[in-house]
C-alpha atoms as a PDB file:
ATOM      1  CA  MET A   1     -10.456 -11.051 -44.900  1.00  0.00           C
ATOM      2  CA  GLY A   2     -11.158  -8.339 -42.351  1.00  0.00           C
ATOM      3  CA  THR A   3      -9.500  -4.753 -41.687  1.00  0.00           C
ATOM      4  CA  PHE A   4      -8.638  -2.972 -38.474  1.00  0.00           C
ATOM      5  CA  VAL A   5      -8.715   0.167 -40.802  1.00  0.00           C
ATOM      6  CA  GLY A   6     -11.622   2.641 -39.834  1.00  0.00           C
ATOM      7  CA  LYS A   7     -12.383   0.714 -36.944  1.00  0.00           C
ATOM      8  CA  ARG A   8     -13.145   2.787 -33.540  1.00  0.00           C
ATOM      9  CA  VAL A   9     -11.009   2.097 -30.905  1.00  0.00           C
ATOM     10  CA  ALA A  10     -11.540   3.191 -27.162  1.00  0.00           C
ATOM     11  CA  ILE A  11      -8.829   3.529 -25.163  1.00  0.00           C
ATOM     12  CA  THR A  12      -9.456   3.638 -21.273  1.00  0.00           C
ATOM     13  CA  ARG A  13      -5.624   4.473 -19.674  1.00  0.00           C
ATOM     14  CA  PRO A  14      -4.996   8.153 -18.390  1.00  0.00           C
ATOM     15  CA  LEU A  15      -4.530  10.847 -20.896  1.00  0.00           C
ATOM     16  CA  LEU A  16      -1.186  11.571 -20.103  1.00  0.00           C
ATOM     17  CA  GLN A  17      -0.019   7.734 -20.966  1.00  0.00           C
ATOM     18  CA  SER A  18      -2.616   7.524 -24.260  1.00  0.00           C
ATOM     19  CA  GLN A  19      -0.564   9.485 -26.836  1.00  0.00           C
ATOM     20  CA  GLU A  20       1.744   6.795 -27.944  1.00  0.00           C
ATOM     21  CA  MET A  21      -1.113   4.046 -28.364  1.00  0.00           C
ATOM     22  CA  MET A  22      -2.966   6.625 -30.501  1.00  0.00           C
ATOM     23  CA  ARG A  23      -0.456   7.101 -32.407  1.00  0.00           C
ATOM     24  CA  ALA A  24      -0.027   3.253 -33.132  1.00  0.00           C
ATOM     25  CA  ILE A  25      -3.870   2.930 -33.452  1.00  0.00           C
ATOM     26  CA  ALA A  26      -3.475   5.889 -35.981  1.00  0.00           C
ATOM     27  CA  ASN A  27      -0.713   4.252 -38.187  1.00  0.00           C
ATOM     28  CA  PHE A  28      -2.954   1.511 -38.750  1.00  0.00           C
ATOM     29  CA  GLY A  29      -5.951   3.433 -40.339  1.00  0.00           C
ATOM     30  CA  ALA A  30      -8.076   2.844 -37.063  1.00  0.00           C
ATOM     31  CA  GLU A  31      -9.498   5.816 -34.789  1.00  0.00           C
ATOM     32  CA  PRO A  32      -8.643   6.020 -31.677  1.00  0.00           C
ATOM     33  CA  LYS A  33     -10.978   7.540 -29.036  1.00  0.00           C
ATOM     34  CA  CYS A  34      -9.904   8.242 -25.462  1.00  0.00           C
ATOM     35  CA  TYR A  35     -11.739   7.405 -22.710  1.00  0.00           C
ATOM     36  CA  PRO A  36      -9.736   7.490 -19.335  1.00  0.00           C
ATOM     37  CA  LEU A  37     -11.575   5.413 -16.873  1.00  0.00           C
ATOM     38  CA  LEU A  38      -8.697   6.290 -14.320  1.00  0.00           C
ATOM     39  CA  GLU A  39      -6.635   9.192 -13.005  1.00  0.00           C
ATOM     40  CA  ILE A  40      -3.175   9.569 -11.712  1.00  0.00           C
ATOM     41  CA  ARG A  41      -2.688  11.933  -8.993  1.00  0.00           C
ATOM     42  CA  LEU A  42       1.134  12.075  -7.258  1.00  0.00           C
ATOM     43  CA  LEU A  43       1.405  12.080  -3.650  1.00  0.00           C
ATOM     44  CA  THR A  44       4.282  13.614  -3.759  1.00  0.00           C
ATOM     45  CA  ASP A  45       2.939  16.961  -1.713  1.00  0.00           C
ATOM     46  CA  ASP A  46       3.304  14.294   1.903  1.00  0.00           C
ATOM     47  CA  PRO A  47       6.153  15.433   3.462  1.00  0.00           C
ATOM     48  CA  TYR A  48       6.698  12.161   4.418  1.00  0.00           C
ATOM     49  CA  PHE A  49       7.135  11.133   1.102  1.00  0.00           C
ATOM     50  CA  GLN A  50       9.617  14.133   0.153  1.00  0.00           C
ATOM     51  CA  GLN A  51      11.617  13.284   3.308  1.00  0.00           C
ATOM     52  CA  ALA A  52      12.167   9.636   2.159  1.00  0.00           C
ATOM     53  CA  VAL A  53      12.905   9.919  -1.436  1.00  0.00           C
ATOM     54  CA  GLN A  54      16.408  11.832   0.052  1.00  0.00           C
ATOM     55  CA  ARG A  55      17.208   8.783   2.210  1.00  0.00           C
ATOM     56  CA  ASP A  56      20.776   6.843   1.634  1.00  0.00           C
ATOM     57  CA  VAL A  57      19.667   3.672  -0.554  1.00  0.00           C
ATOM     58  CA  ASP A  58      21.812   1.607  -2.905  1.00  0.00           C
ATOM     59  CA  LEU A  59      18.404   0.997  -5.551  1.00  0.00           C
ATOM     60  CA  VAL A  60      15.464   2.503  -6.211  1.00  0.00           C
ATOM     61  CA  ILE A  61      12.462   0.296  -8.039  1.00  0.00           C
ATOM     62  CA  PHE A  62      10.128   1.517 -10.492  1.00  0.00           C
ATOM     63  CA  THR A  63       6.977   0.036 -11.527  1.00  0.00           C
ATOM     64  CA  SER A  64       5.940   2.494 -13.956  1.00  0.00           C
ATOM     65  CA  VAL A  65       6.571   6.036 -15.150  1.00  0.00           C
ATOM     66  CA  ASN A  66       4.306   7.722 -12.505  1.00  0.00           C
ATOM     67  CA  GLY A  67       6.441   6.241 -10.010  1.00  0.00           C
ATOM     68  CA  VAL A  68       9.523   8.031 -11.847  1.00  0.00           C
ATOM     69  CA  ARG A  69       7.515  11.017 -11.965  1.00  0.00           C
ATOM     70  CA  ALA A  70       6.642  10.976  -8.890  1.00  0.00           C
ATOM     71  CA  TYR A  71      10.399  10.229  -7.492  1.00  0.00           C
ATOM     72  CA  VAL A  72      11.377  13.048  -9.342  1.00  0.00           C
ATOM     73  CA  HIS A  73       8.987  15.489  -8.589  1.00  0.00           C
ATOM     74  CA  ALA A  74       9.366  14.922  -4.906  1.00  0.00           C
ATOM     75  CA  ARG A  75      13.348  15.478  -5.416  1.00  0.00           C
ATOM     76  CA  GLY A  76      12.612  18.621  -6.532  1.00  0.00           C
ATOM     77  CA  GLU A  77      15.853  19.234  -8.107  1.00  0.00           C
ATOM     78  CA  ASP A  78      17.325  18.631 -11.644  1.00  0.00           C
ATOM     79  CA  VAL A  79      18.063  15.444 -11.259  1.00  0.00           C
ATOM     80  CA  SER A  80      20.397  15.193 -14.223  1.00  0.00           C
ATOM     81  CA  VAL A  81      23.427  16.527 -11.837  1.00  0.00           C
ATOM     82  CA  GLN A  82      23.056  14.884  -8.756  1.00  0.00           C
ATOM     83  CA  SER A  83      24.226  11.645  -7.390  1.00  0.00           C
ATOM     84  CA  PHE A  84      21.385   9.002  -7.440  1.00  0.00           C
ATOM     85  CA  PRO A  85      21.648   5.496  -6.638  1.00  0.00           C
ATOM     86  CA  LYS A  86      21.006   3.171  -9.420  1.00  0.00           C
ATOM     87  CA  ALA A  87      17.666   2.004 -10.322  1.00  0.00           C
ATOM     88  CA  LEU A  88      15.586  -1.304 -11.794  1.00  0.00           C
ATOM     89  CA  CYS A  89      12.516  -0.448 -13.952  1.00  0.00           C
ATOM     90  CA  VAL A  90       9.937  -2.505 -15.046  1.00  0.00           C
ATOM     91  CA  GLY A  91       9.142  -1.902 -18.637  1.00  0.00           C
ATOM     92  CA  GLU A  92      11.188   0.299 -21.400  1.00  0.00           C
ATOM     93  CA  LYS A  93       8.615   3.126 -21.038  1.00  0.00           C
ATOM     94  CA  THR A  94       9.752   3.228 -17.255  1.00  0.00           C
ATOM     95  CA  ALA A  95      13.438   2.957 -17.810  1.00  0.00           C
ATOM     96  CA  GLU A  96      13.400   5.571 -21.049  1.00  0.00           C
ATOM     97  CA  ALA A  97      11.616   7.855 -18.314  1.00  0.00           C
ATOM     98  CA  ALA A  98      14.195   7.356 -15.786  1.00  0.00           C
ATOM     99  CA  MET A  99      17.567   7.741 -18.091  1.00  0.00           C
ATOM    100  CA  ARG A 100      15.708  11.362 -19.154  1.00  0.00           C
ATOM    101  CA  ALA A 101      15.935  12.133 -15.234  1.00  0.00           C
ATOM    102  CA  GLY A 102      19.289  11.635 -15.392  1.00  0.00           C
ATOM    103  CA  ILE A 103      18.991   8.363 -13.606  1.00  0.00           C
ATOM    104  CA  HIS A 104      21.093   5.084 -13.876  1.00  0.00           C
ATOM    105  CA  VAL A 105      19.211   2.350 -14.881  1.00  0.00           C
ATOM    106  CA  ILE A 106      21.321  -1.166 -14.241  1.00  0.00           C
ATOM    107  CA  GLY A 107      18.529  -3.562 -16.132  1.00  0.00           C
ATOM    108  CA  LEU A 108      15.047  -4.536 -17.236  1.00  0.00           C
ATOM    109  CA  PRO A 109      13.387  -8.257 -15.738  1.00  0.00           C
ATOM    110  CA  GLU A 110      12.134  -9.926 -18.686  1.00  0.00           C
ATOM    111  CA  ARG A 111       8.875  -9.955 -17.374  1.00  0.00           C
ATOM    112  CA  TYR A 112       6.747  -7.632 -14.825  1.00  0.00           C
ATOM    113  CA  ALA A 113       6.206 -10.505 -12.002  1.00  0.00           C
ATOM    114  CA  ALA A 114       7.989 -10.460  -8.758  1.00  0.00           C
ATOM    115  CA  GLU A 115       9.896 -13.607  -9.510  1.00  0.00           C
ATOM    116  CA  TYR A 116      11.480 -11.779 -12.499  1.00  0.00           C
ATOM    117  CA  ILE A 117      12.374  -9.181 -10.761  1.00  0.00           C
ATOM    118  CA  VAL A 118      14.019 -10.854  -7.652  1.00  0.00           C
ATOM    119  CA  ASP A 119      15.847 -12.931  -9.858  1.00  0.00           C
ATOM    120  CA  LEU A 120      17.500 -10.091 -11.881  1.00  0.00           C
ATOM    121  CA  LEU A 121      17.968  -8.365  -8.012  1.00  0.00           C
ATOM    122  CA  ARG A 122      20.046 -11.448  -7.068  1.00  0.00           C
ATOM    123  CA  LYS A 123      21.965 -11.623  -9.894  1.00  0.00           C
ATOM    124  CA  ASN A 124      23.339  -8.326  -9.416  1.00  0.00           C
ATOM    125  CA  GLY A 125      23.928  -9.092  -5.910  1.00  0.00           C
ATOM    126  CA  ALA A 126      21.275  -6.755  -4.438  1.00  0.00           C
ATOM    127  CA  GLN A 127      20.915  -9.504  -0.835  1.00  0.00           C
ATOM    128  CA  GLY A 128      21.528  -6.927   1.971  1.00  0.00           C
ATOM    129  CA  GLN A 129      21.155  -4.112  -0.050  1.00  0.00           C
ATOM    130  CA  ARG A 130      18.536  -1.000   1.161  1.00  0.00           C
ATOM    131  CA  VAL A 131      16.355  -0.916  -1.720  1.00  0.00           C
ATOM    132  CA  LEU A 132      13.611   2.016  -2.363  1.00  0.00           C
ATOM    133  CA  LEU A 133      10.400   0.805  -3.901  1.00  0.00           C
ATOM    134  CA  VAL A 134       8.281   3.534  -5.364  1.00  0.00           C
ATOM    135  CA  ARG A 135       4.910   2.411  -6.618  1.00  0.00           C
ATOM    136  CA  GLY A 136       1.163   3.279  -6.980  1.00  0.00           C
ATOM    137  CA  ASN A 137      -1.654   2.618  -4.425  1.00  0.00           C
ATOM    138  CA  LEU A 138      -3.066  -0.224  -6.387  1.00  0.00           C
ATOM    139  CA  ALA A 139       0.693  -2.527  -7.060  1.00  0.00           C
ATOM    140  CA  ASP A 140       0.673  -5.971  -6.132  1.00  0.00           C
ATOM    141  CA  PRO A 141       2.366  -6.192  -2.540  1.00  0.00           C
ATOM    142  CA  LEU A 142       4.055  -9.726  -3.259  1.00  0.00           C
ATOM    143  CA  LEU A 143       6.997  -7.586  -4.586  1.00  0.00           C
ATOM    144  CA  SER A 144       7.836  -5.846  -1.620  1.00  0.00           C
ATOM    145  CA  SER A 145       7.602  -9.215   0.494  1.00  0.00           C
ATOM    146  CA  ALA A 146       9.680 -11.097  -2.225  1.00  0.00           C
ATOM    147  CA  LEU A 147      12.244  -8.225  -1.503  1.00  0.00           C
ATOM    148  CA  VAL A 148      12.473  -8.835   1.925  1.00  0.00           C
ATOM    149  CA  GLU A 149      13.117 -12.751   1.332  1.00  0.00           C
ATOM    150  CA  LEU A 150      15.716 -12.274  -0.618  1.00  0.00           C
ATOM    151  CA  GLY A 151      17.209  -9.748   2.033  1.00  0.00           C
ATOM    152  CA  CYS A 152      16.759  -6.559   1.465  1.00  0.00           C
ATOM    153  CA  ASP A 153      16.219  -3.761   3.362  1.00  0.00           C
ATOM    154  CA  VAL A 154      12.823  -2.135   2.037  1.00  0.00           C
ATOM    155  CA  LEU A 155      11.618   0.989   2.143  1.00  0.00           C
ATOM    156  CA  GLU A 156       8.262   1.387   0.626  1.00  0.00           C
ATOM    157  CA  LEU A 157       6.605   4.288  -0.675  1.00  0.00           C
ATOM    158  CA  ILE A 158       3.277   5.183  -2.184  1.00  0.00           C
ATOM    159  CA  GLY A 159       4.193   7.900  -5.022  1.00  0.00           C
ATOM    160  CA  TYR A 160       0.948   7.892  -6.805  1.00  0.00           C
ATOM    161  CA  GLU A 161      -3.012   6.739  -6.357  1.00  0.00           C
ATOM    162  CA  THR A 162      -4.821   5.703  -9.513  1.00  0.00           C
ATOM    163  CA  VAL A 163      -8.737   6.906  -8.786  1.00  0.00           C
ATOM    164  CA  PRO A 164     -11.515   6.002 -10.852  1.00  0.00           C
ATOM    165  CA  GLY A 165     -12.109   8.277 -14.036  1.00  0.00           C
ATOM    166  CA  THR A 166     -15.578  10.386 -15.177  1.00  0.00           C
ATOM    167  CA  GLU A 167     -15.485   8.210 -18.957  1.00  0.00           C
ATOM    168  CA  ALA A 168     -16.841   5.107 -17.578  1.00  0.00           C
ATOM    169  CA  ARG A 169     -20.600   5.944 -18.443  1.00  0.00           C
ATOM    170  CA  LYS A 170     -20.291   7.552 -21.809  1.00  0.00           C
ATOM    171  CA  LEU A 171     -18.017   4.540 -23.177  1.00  0.00           C
ATOM    172  CA  TRP A 172     -21.064   2.414 -22.210  1.00  0.00           C
ATOM    173  CA  ASP A 173     -23.347   4.851 -24.127  1.00  0.00           C
ATOM    174  CA  ASP A 174     -21.856   4.697 -27.122  1.00  0.00           C
ATOM    175  CA  ILE A 175     -20.627   1.305 -27.249  1.00  0.00           C
ATOM    176  CA  LYS A 176     -25.117   1.468 -26.996  1.00  0.00           C
ATOM    177  CA  ASN A 177     -24.949   3.550 -29.847  1.00  0.00           C
ATOM    178  CA  GLY A 178     -23.092   1.816 -32.014  1.00  0.00           C
ATOM    179  CA  ASP A 179     -19.694   4.051 -31.894  1.00  0.00           C
ATOM    180  CA  ILE A 180     -17.351   1.756 -30.917  1.00  0.00           C
ATOM    181  CA  ASP A 181     -15.885  -1.154 -32.634  1.00  0.00           C
ATOM    182  CA  ALA A 182     -13.312  -2.088 -29.427  1.00  0.00           C
ATOM    183  CA  VAL A 183     -12.658  -1.460 -26.498  1.00  0.00           C
ATOM    184  CA  THR A 184      -8.339  -2.132 -24.865  1.00  0.00           C
ATOM    185  CA  PHE A 185      -7.930  -2.314 -20.896  1.00  0.00           C
ATOM    186  CA  LEU A 186      -4.154  -1.708 -20.043  1.00  0.00           C
ATOM    187  CA  SER A 187      -5.202  -2.721 -16.422  1.00  0.00           C
ATOM    188  CA  GLY A 188      -7.659  -4.380 -14.162  1.00  0.00           C
ATOM    189  CA  SER A 189      -8.362  -1.308 -12.289  1.00  0.00           C
ATOM    190  CA  ALA A 190      -9.670   0.001 -15.367  1.00  0.00           C
ATOM    191  CA  ALA A 191     -11.885  -3.044 -16.407  1.00  0.00           C
ATOM    192  CA  ARG A 192     -13.487  -2.886 -12.637  1.00  0.00           C
ATOM    193  CA  VAL A 193     -14.245   0.850 -13.355  1.00  0.00           C
ATOM    194  CA  PHE A 194     -16.094  -0.540 -16.702  1.00  0.00           C
ATOM    195  CA  ALA A 195     -17.418  -3.195 -15.051  1.00  0.00           C
ATOM    196  CA  ALA A 196     -18.862  -1.157 -12.181  1.00  0.00           C
ATOM    197  CA  ALA A 197     -20.585   1.343 -14.428  1.00  0.00           C
ATOM    198  CA  LYS A 198     -22.336  -1.250 -16.300  1.00  0.00           C
ATOM    199  CA  ASN A 199     -26.454  -0.776 -16.501  1.00  0.00           C
ATOM    200  CA  SER A 200     -28.856  -3.644 -16.205  1.00  0.00           C
ATOM    201  CA  ASP A 201     -29.614  -3.057 -20.096  1.00  0.00           C
ATOM    202  CA  ASP A 202     -25.810  -2.542 -21.475  1.00  0.00           C
ATOM    203  CA  GLN A 203     -24.531  -5.078 -23.502  1.00  0.00           C
ATOM    204  CA  ILE A 204     -20.713  -5.307 -25.194  1.00  0.00           C
ATOM    205  CA  GLY A 205     -22.578  -6.617 -28.373  1.00  0.00           C
ATOM    206  CA  ARG A 206     -19.953  -7.504 -31.389  1.00  0.00           C
ATOM    207  CA  VAL A 207     -17.815  -4.564 -29.710  1.00  0.00           C
ATOM    208  CA  VAL A 208     -14.043  -6.440 -29.466  1.00  0.00           C
ATOM    209  CA  VAL A 209     -12.430  -6.720 -25.746  1.00  0.00           C
ATOM    210  CA  ALA A 210      -8.780  -6.375 -25.799  1.00  0.00           C
ATOM    211  CA  ALA A 211      -6.803  -6.834 -22.758  1.00  0.00           C
ATOM    212  CA  ILE A 212      -2.706  -6.181 -22.366  1.00  0.00           C
ATOM    213  CA  GLY A 213      -1.971  -9.694 -20.659  1.00  0.00           C
ATOM    214  CA  PRO A 214      -3.561 -12.805 -18.538  1.00  0.00           C
ATOM    215  CA  LYS A 215      -3.758 -10.812 -15.556  1.00  0.00           C
ATOM    216  CA  THR A 216      -5.996  -8.020 -17.056  1.00  0.00           C
ATOM    217  CA  GLN A 217      -8.505 -10.596 -19.333  1.00  0.00           C
ATOM    218  CA  GLN A 218      -8.701 -12.613 -15.609  1.00  0.00           C
ATOM    219  CA  ILE A 219     -10.254  -9.879 -14.066  1.00  0.00           C
ATOM    220  CA  LEU A 220     -12.649  -8.867 -17.361  1.00  0.00           C
ATOM    221  CA  VAL A 221     -13.536 -12.433 -16.895  1.00  0.00           C
ATOM    222  CA  GLU A 222     -14.107 -11.803 -13.329  1.00  0.00           C
ATOM    223  CA  CYS A 223     -16.327  -8.521 -14.341  1.00  0.00           C
ATOM    224  CA  GLN A 224     -18.630 -11.523 -16.169  1.00  0.00           C
ATOM    225  CA  LEU A 225     -17.005  -9.290 -19.318  1.00  0.00           C
ATOM    226  CA  PRO A 226     -15.825 -10.719 -22.794  1.00  0.00           C
ATOM    227  CA  CYS A 227     -12.222 -11.299 -23.825  1.00  0.00           C
ATOM    228  CA  HIS A 228     -11.190 -11.732 -27.342  1.00  0.00           C
ATOM    229  CA  VAL A 229      -7.617 -10.307 -27.476  1.00  0.00           C
ATOM    230  CA  VAL A 230      -4.877 -11.078 -25.284  1.00  0.00           C
ATOM    231  CA  ALA A 231      -1.087  -9.209 -26.174  1.00  0.00           C
ATOM    232  CA  GLN A 232       1.660 -11.713 -26.055  1.00  0.00           C
ATOM    233  CA  GLU A 233       3.480  -8.888 -24.576  1.00  0.00           C
ATOM    234  CA  ALA A 234       2.529  -6.538 -21.991  1.00  0.00           C
ATOM    235  CA  THR A 235       2.917  -3.183 -23.858  1.00  0.00           C
ATOM    236  CA  ALA A 236       0.507  -1.077 -25.287  1.00  0.00           C
ATOM    237  CA  PHE A 237       2.390  -1.584 -29.052  1.00  0.00           C
ATOM    238  CA  HIS A 238       1.719  -5.315 -28.811  1.00  0.00           C
ATOM    239  CA  LEU A 239      -1.808  -4.832 -27.659  1.00  0.00           C
ATOM    240  CA  VAL A 240      -2.686  -2.576 -30.969  1.00  0.00           C
ATOM    241  CA  HIS A 241      -0.395  -5.182 -32.704  1.00  0.00           C
ATOM    242  CA  ALA A 242      -2.940  -8.377 -31.898  1.00  0.00           C
ATOM    243  CA  LEU A 243      -6.147  -6.752 -31.866  1.00  0.00           C
ATOM    244  CA  ALA A 244      -5.149  -5.340 -35.794  1.00  0.00           C
ATOM    245  CA  ASN A 245      -3.997  -8.933 -36.429  1.00  0.00           C
ATOM    246  CA  TYR A 246      -7.574  -9.644 -34.817  1.00  0.00           C
ATOM    247  CA  PHE A 247      -9.501  -8.062 -37.491  1.00  0.00           C
ATOM    248  CA  ALA A 248      -7.871  -8.932 -40.139  1.00  0.00           C
ATOM    249  CA  LEU A 249      -8.744 -12.503 -39.364  1.00  0.00           C
ATOM    250  CA  ALA A 250     -11.908 -12.179 -38.544  1.00  0.00           C
ATOM    251  CA  PRO A 251     -14.122 -11.413 -41.972  1.00  0.00           C
ATOM    252  CA  ASP A 252     -17.463 -11.088 -40.255  1.00  0.00           C
ATOM    253  CA  PHE A 253     -15.588  -7.521 -38.498  1.00  0.00           C
END
């Protein structure tokens, strides 16, 4: 049987979002190594965004922790003592960030997919309500369209943008030098940045590639990159556990 202990695992998500994953990897006895392939830039200095978040709405939808950060930052006040609209959050971490800010979260969809979010909203009687959707520049526009079809009055705001980081080339070089045993991808955007930095002589070799979900796996395949591990649930916790199980069952590693 193989082991995850001592394996050097590359984390490709933005640095501020990597801490929990680093701890999870270290708890298995593996070595986390950060290569932020993406950077997050809040767009909260935009006057339109600052005004829009003050509008009177019935519901705010946050699809990520970064959306919560952008919203709270743009409000510019202590949100814990204000009267805020209720919120629907995608993912437990997003909900935790919203609740820490004093925002009342009404629920979490089972999965991050438009149909699950709309189904939860329908159960909560959101038809006809004024909905503020705070998302990133690379988010799938399908959710906004689905909300309109549900009968919501939707105000969609881009609260942050995801831009390529500067570590992709270094990651390829470290792979070439044998310093990496596994690479984790928590978004298709990171996979595309990694693929774009590939030189003609770069090879993944025996490095294990892990994706947080089927969509990221699909983009890896589209980028002509392998994918050996896919998390059963789209969380960093489940991705680390899936990777640990893979190494435990792979005697060749």
